[in-house]
Protein backbone atom coordinates (compact mmCIF):
# COMPACT_ATOMS: atom_id res chain seq x y z
CA MET A 1 139.23 -60.33 -14.00
CA THR A 2 140.91 -61.07 -17.45
CA GLY A 3 143.94 -62.87 -18.32
CA GLU A 4 145.77 -59.57 -19.58
CA PRO A 5 148.61 -57.72 -18.03
CA ARG A 6 147.21 -54.80 -15.65
CA THR A 7 148.88 -52.31 -13.68
CA LYS A 8 146.28 -51.99 -11.06
CA LEU A 9 143.32 -54.74 -10.30
CA GLU A 10 139.63 -53.14 -10.88
CA HIS A 11 138.35 -55.35 -7.58
CA THR A 12 139.36 -56.52 -4.11
CA TYR A 13 139.14 -60.25 -3.40
CA GLN A 14 136.10 -59.73 -1.41
CA GLN A 15 134.02 -57.47 -4.02
CA ARG A 16 135.25 -60.24 -6.84
CA GLN A 17 133.70 -63.16 -4.58
CA PHE A 18 130.50 -61.00 -3.61
CA GLY A 19 130.04 -60.68 -7.32
CA ARG A 20 130.67 -64.22 -7.80
CA SER A 21 128.05 -65.56 -5.37
CA LEU A 22 125.43 -63.20 -7.19
CA ARG A 23 126.03 -65.46 -10.33
CA ASN A 24 125.74 -68.31 -8.33
CA LEU A 25 122.07 -67.56 -7.19
CA ARG A 26 121.17 -66.23 -10.85
CA GLU A 27 122.57 -69.77 -12.46
CA GLN A 28 120.82 -71.65 -9.24
CA ALA A 29 117.41 -69.45 -10.45
CA ARG A 30 118.57 -70.91 -14.01
CA ILE A 31 118.38 -67.46 -15.35
CA ASP A 32 120.67 -66.14 -17.86
CA THR A 33 122.14 -62.51 -18.16
CA THR A 34 119.93 -60.86 -20.38
CA GLU A 35 116.65 -62.31 -19.03
CA ALA A 36 117.93 -60.78 -15.46
CA ALA A 37 118.67 -57.29 -17.08
CA VAL A 38 115.43 -57.34 -18.40
CA ARG A 39 113.61 -57.99 -14.93
CA THR A 40 115.60 -56.27 -12.75
CA LYS A 41 116.25 -52.95 -15.42
CA ILE A 42 120.17 -53.19 -14.92
CA ASP A 43 122.02 -52.62 -17.79
CA VAL A 44 123.51 -56.21 -18.90
CA ASP A 45 127.05 -54.73 -19.03
CA LYS A 46 126.31 -53.57 -15.58
CA LEU A 47 125.11 -57.04 -14.85
CA ASN A 48 128.26 -58.39 -16.11
CA ARG A 49 130.37 -55.99 -14.02
CA ILE A 50 128.67 -56.76 -10.86
CA GLU A 51 129.38 -60.51 -11.12
CA ARG A 52 132.66 -59.87 -11.67
CA GLY A 53 132.92 -57.27 -8.52
CA GLN A 54 131.50 -53.98 -8.92
CA PRO A 55 129.37 -53.84 -5.87
CA PRO A 56 126.07 -52.98 -6.67
CA THR A 57 123.95 -50.17 -5.01
CA HIS A 58 121.59 -51.72 -1.90
CA HIS A 59 118.40 -51.14 -4.60
CA GLU A 60 120.00 -53.22 -7.30
CA LEU A 61 121.56 -55.79 -4.81
CA THR A 62 117.64 -56.22 -3.38
CA THR A 63 115.95 -56.36 -7.21
CA LEU A 64 118.80 -59.04 -7.69
CA LEU A 65 117.70 -61.06 -4.37
CA ASP A 66 114.13 -60.76 -5.26
CA VAL A 67 114.13 -61.66 -9.05
CA TYR A 68 116.69 -65.02 -7.97
CA GLY A 69 113.92 -65.89 -5.85
CA LEU A 70 115.64 -65.55 -2.38
CA LEU A 71 113.22 -65.04 0.45
CA TYR A 72 113.54 -61.68 1.90
CA ASP A 73 114.25 -63.64 5.06
CA ASP A 74 117.76 -64.57 3.33
CA TRP A 75 118.55 -61.47 2.18
CA GLN A 76 120.07 -60.06 5.43
CA PRO A 77 123.68 -61.75 4.82
CA TYR A 78 124.46 -60.42 1.33
CA ILE A 79 123.01 -56.87 2.38
CA ARG A 80 125.73 -56.94 5.67
CA GLN A 81 128.09 -58.64 2.97
CA LEU A 82 127.90 -55.80 0.50
CA ASP A 83 128.15 -52.99 3.28
CA HIS A 84 131.08 -54.87 4.62
CA ASN A 85 132.98 -54.80 1.18
CA ARG A 86 132.24 -50.96 1.13
CA GLN A 87 134.19 -50.70 4.59
CA ARG A 88 137.71 -49.05 4.31
CA GLY A 89 140.56 -51.21 4.55
CA TRP A 90 143.20 -49.92 6.90
CA TRP A 91 145.52 -49.25 3.63
CA ARG A 92 143.05 -46.75 2.94
CA THR A 93 143.63 -44.83 6.07
CA TYR A 94 147.23 -43.69 4.68
CA GLY A 95 145.35 -42.34 1.33
CA LEU A 96 146.11 -45.79 -0.47
CA PRO A 97 143.80 -46.56 -3.32
CA ARG A 98 141.15 -49.44 -2.72
CA THR A 99 143.21 -51.89 -4.63
CA HIS A 100 146.66 -50.97 -3.57
CA PHE A 101 148.69 -54.16 -3.44
CA ALA A 102 148.85 -53.72 0.43
CA GLY A 103 144.74 -55.07 0.34
CA ILE A 104 145.25 -57.45 -2.30
CA GLU A 105 148.03 -59.43 0.04
CA HIS A 106 146.28 -58.91 3.30
CA ASP A 107 143.62 -61.03 1.84
CA ALA A 108 146.24 -63.88 0.31
CA ILE A 109 146.47 -67.43 2.51
CA LEU A 110 149.70 -67.72 0.58
CA VAL A 111 152.57 -65.63 -0.42
CA ARG A 112 155.49 -66.83 -2.45
CA GLU A 113 158.07 -64.22 -3.52
CA TYR A 114 161.50 -64.15 -5.27
CA GLN A 115 163.68 -61.47 -4.71
CA LEU A 116 166.77 -60.46 -7.07
CA GLY A 117 168.02 -57.52 -5.55
CA LEU A 118 166.43 -56.27 -2.09
CA ILE A 119 165.84 -58.30 1.06
CA PRO A 120 161.95 -58.80 0.74
CA GLU A 121 159.78 -56.24 2.12
CA PRO A 122 157.76 -58.32 4.67
CA LEU A 123 160.74 -59.45 5.84
CA GLN A 124 162.88 -55.61 6.44
CA THR A 125 163.50 -53.93 9.68
CA GLU A 126 162.46 -50.19 10.04
CA PRO A 127 166.42 -49.18 10.05
CA TYR A 128 166.60 -51.07 7.05
CA MET A 129 164.20 -49.68 5.12
CA ARG A 130 165.31 -45.82 6.08
CA ALA A 131 168.89 -46.61 5.14
CA LEU A 132 167.21 -47.94 1.58
CA ARG A 133 165.58 -44.65 1.18
CA ALA A 134 168.39 -42.56 2.25
CA ASN A 135 170.08 -44.21 -0.95
CA SER A 136 166.73 -43.44 -3.00
CA HIS A 137 166.82 -40.69 -6.01
CA ARG A 138 163.75 -40.13 -4.40
CA GLY A 139 165.42 -38.44 -1.58
CA GLN A 140 164.41 -38.28 1.70
CA PRO A 141 162.51 -41.51 3.66
CA ASP A 142 159.24 -41.57 2.70
CA ASP A 143 157.21 -41.48 6.61
CA ARG A 144 153.88 -43.28 4.84
CA THR A 145 155.46 -46.15 2.78
CA ILE A 146 157.59 -46.91 5.47
CA ALA A 147 154.69 -46.91 7.99
CA VAL A 148 152.18 -49.34 5.20
CA ARG A 149 154.82 -51.68 5.06
CA LEU A 150 155.56 -52.42 8.81
CA HIS A 151 151.67 -52.56 8.83
CA ARG A 152 151.72 -55.17 6.23
CA GLN A 153 154.52 -57.27 8.25
CA ARG A 154 151.38 -57.55 10.79
CA ARG A 155 150.03 -60.56 8.60
CA LEU A 156 152.94 -62.44 9.27
CA THR A 157 152.81 -62.24 13.13
CA ASP A 158 149.14 -61.97 13.89
CA SER A 159 146.86 -64.29 15.24
CA ASN A 160 146.12 -65.79 12.09
CA PRO A 161 148.92 -65.44 9.81
CA ARG A 162 149.24 -66.55 6.42
CA GLY A 163 151.88 -68.71 4.55
CA TYR A 164 155.07 -66.69 3.31
CA HIS A 165 157.66 -68.27 1.25
CA ALA A 166 161.04 -65.93 -0.05
CA ILE A 167 163.68 -66.96 -2.12
CA ILE A 168 166.17 -64.29 -2.06
CA ASP A 169 169.15 -64.37 -4.18
CA GLU A 170 172.53 -64.20 -2.16
CA ALA A 171 173.15 -60.51 -3.86
CA ALA A 172 170.51 -58.60 -1.99
CA LEU A 173 171.69 -59.86 1.70
CA THR A 174 175.37 -59.01 0.83
CA ILE A 175 174.69 -55.26 -0.14
CA PRO A 176 176.83 -53.02 1.73
CA LEU A 177 175.12 -50.80 3.91
CA SER A 178 176.77 -47.15 5.34
CA ASP A 179 176.00 -48.72 8.85
CA ASN A 180 176.94 -52.50 9.33
CA THR A 181 174.68 -52.97 12.48
CA VAL A 182 171.90 -52.09 10.19
CA LEU A 183 172.69 -55.00 8.27
CA ARG A 184 173.57 -57.40 11.05
CA ALA A 185 170.43 -56.32 12.80
CA GLN A 186 168.62 -57.11 9.29
CA LEU A 187 169.55 -60.92 8.92
CA ARG A 188 169.20 -61.11 12.64
CA HIS A 189 165.09 -60.49 12.45
CA ILE A 190 165.01 -62.31 9.18
CA LEU A 191 166.62 -65.42 11.02
CA ASP A 192 163.82 -64.99 13.93
CA LEU A 193 161.40 -65.01 11.13
CA ALA A 194 162.31 -67.86 9.63
CA ALA A 195 161.95 -69.79 12.68
CA ARG A 196 158.11 -69.33 12.98
CA PRO A 197 156.42 -72.37 11.58
CA HIS A 198 154.17 -70.41 8.43
CA ILE A 199 157.30 -69.05 6.98
CA THR A 200 160.09 -70.19 4.43
CA VAL A 201 162.99 -68.18 3.71
CA GLN A 202 165.53 -69.70 1.56
CA VAL A 203 168.94 -68.30 -0.12
CA LEU A 204 169.44 -68.72 -3.60
CA PRO A 205 173.40 -68.60 -4.17
CA ARG A 206 175.72 -67.33 -6.89
CA ALA A 207 177.06 -71.04 -7.27
CA ALA A 208 173.92 -71.58 -8.35
CA GLY A 209 174.38 -70.17 -11.89
CA PRO A 210 172.55 -68.43 -14.74
CA HIS A 211 168.72 -69.23 -14.55
CA ASP A 212 165.51 -67.82 -15.54
CA GLY A 213 164.76 -66.23 -12.01
CA ARG A 214 167.80 -63.38 -13.13
CA LYS A 215 165.31 -62.01 -15.21
CA GLY A 216 163.38 -60.34 -12.34
CA SER A 217 161.96 -60.47 -9.12
CA PHE A 218 157.79 -61.36 -8.73
CA HIS A 219 154.93 -62.25 -6.34
CA LEU A 220 152.69 -65.27 -6.51
CA LEU A 221 149.51 -64.64 -3.82
CA ALA A 222 147.56 -67.34 -3.24
CA LEU A 223 143.53 -66.58 -3.04
CA PRO A 224 141.16 -68.21 -0.26
CA GLU A 225 138.54 -68.90 -3.13
CA PRO A 226 139.53 -71.66 -5.43
CA GLU A 227 137.86 -70.08 -8.39
CA ASP A 228 140.86 -67.58 -8.45
CA HIS A 229 144.14 -69.09 -10.09
CA ALA A 230 147.24 -67.29 -8.44
CA LEU A 231 147.89 -63.92 -8.77
CA LEU A 232 151.24 -62.96 -10.48
CA ARG A 233 152.70 -59.64 -9.67
CA ILE A 234 155.98 -58.08 -11.30
CA PRO A 235 157.23 -55.14 -9.59
CA HIS A 236 159.72 -52.83 -12.20
CA LEU A 237 160.84 -49.30 -12.36
CA ALA A 238 157.64 -47.74 -13.30
CA GLY A 239 154.96 -49.15 -10.77
CA GLU A 240 153.60 -53.04 -11.05
CA THR A 241 151.80 -55.34 -13.79
CA TYR A 242 149.39 -58.02 -12.38
CA LEU A 243 148.55 -61.09 -13.98
CA ASP A 244 146.31 -63.86 -13.14
CA ASP A 245 145.15 -65.62 -16.52
CA ALA A 246 146.05 -69.97 -15.89
CA ASP A 247 149.03 -70.97 -17.98
CA ARG A 248 151.10 -67.38 -17.24
CA THR A 249 150.50 -68.01 -13.41
CA ALA A 250 150.99 -71.95 -13.90
CA SER A 251 154.39 -71.27 -15.82
CA ALA A 252 155.64 -68.81 -12.78
CA CYS A 253 154.88 -70.84 -10.03
CA ARG A 254 156.65 -73.89 -11.95
CA LEU A 255 159.76 -71.04 -12.00
CA PHE A 256 159.26 -70.54 -8.23
CA ARG A 257 159.68 -74.31 -8.22
CA HIS A 258 162.44 -74.32 -9.71
CA LEU A 259 164.06 -71.76 -8.07
CA ALA A 260 163.47 -73.49 -4.75
CA THR A 261 165.34 -76.35 -5.33
CA LEU A 262 168.21 -74.06 -6.97
CA ALA A 263 168.35 -72.46 -3.88
CA LEU A 264 169.76 -73.54 -0.56
CA SER A 265 167.44 -75.81 1.71
CA PRO A 266 165.58 -73.77 4.49
CA GLU A 267 167.76 -75.04 7.40
CA ASP A 268 171.06 -74.39 5.33
CA SER A 269 169.88 -71.14 4.43
CA THR A 270 169.64 -70.22 7.97
CA ARG A 271 172.85 -71.09 8.69
CA TRP A 272 174.03 -69.27 5.70
CA ILE A 273 172.76 -66.55 7.04
CA GLN A 274 174.13 -66.48 10.66
CA ARG A 275 177.38 -67.23 9.00
CA LEU A 276 177.02 -64.08 7.08
CA ILE A 277 176.42 -62.01 10.28
CA ASP A 278 179.26 -64.17 12.17
CA GLU A 279 181.72 -62.50 9.29
CA SER A 280 179.98 -59.24 9.77
């Protein structure tokens, strides 16, 4: 992965991790990419792409393992991992691309999200989603989009949930809906989720004044492999942009920490949302 802004990612986390494991084997064998290319008859550019996450063919994999000096009896874990990486993620059953955000988010161990305009998708109820879609310029609710969003939410409540920290601007929580019961139920749902130990919800009140978060919403995703920097996702009208270089993701992490200091504490945020429910 490079540090340049991208509208999509080339490879999944699991594929990048597999590519790194092959690179580590090559380096342990003290073979550079030029020599590896000559001995395996795999083009240098292709070899570099494999080490960045492009899945090799089975023949290419076994050739690499042989040249890197791995005993035949030790090949099976790598072959199984290659087969696993080629399996369709759940999001593919909805017709989404292999590197859709749902798959990237699924692999993350922690997601931090700042939302300026709407309640974050992982916290949304289905009626709230449909209320938003009813007012969308796209027209009627998209059932596939809603189904994908509901499936994504399972990672917050499954047997091994990931961490989630949302900072929500006050405006996102007070946008009126045509059916006020939908909004009240949505706010109660946020309180229910915020009570879980791995979920943190903070409200950023209007009284906090101007701040850099006013420039737009963003996500920070932490992946299991330490070699991966935090991944910054910036949604916008035309789609989304990804950044993963250390300097820019570190800057986004500092901004998130700053917004967390401006926001109400998790306990005060819970009380703030409860008052909003009581007054609605």
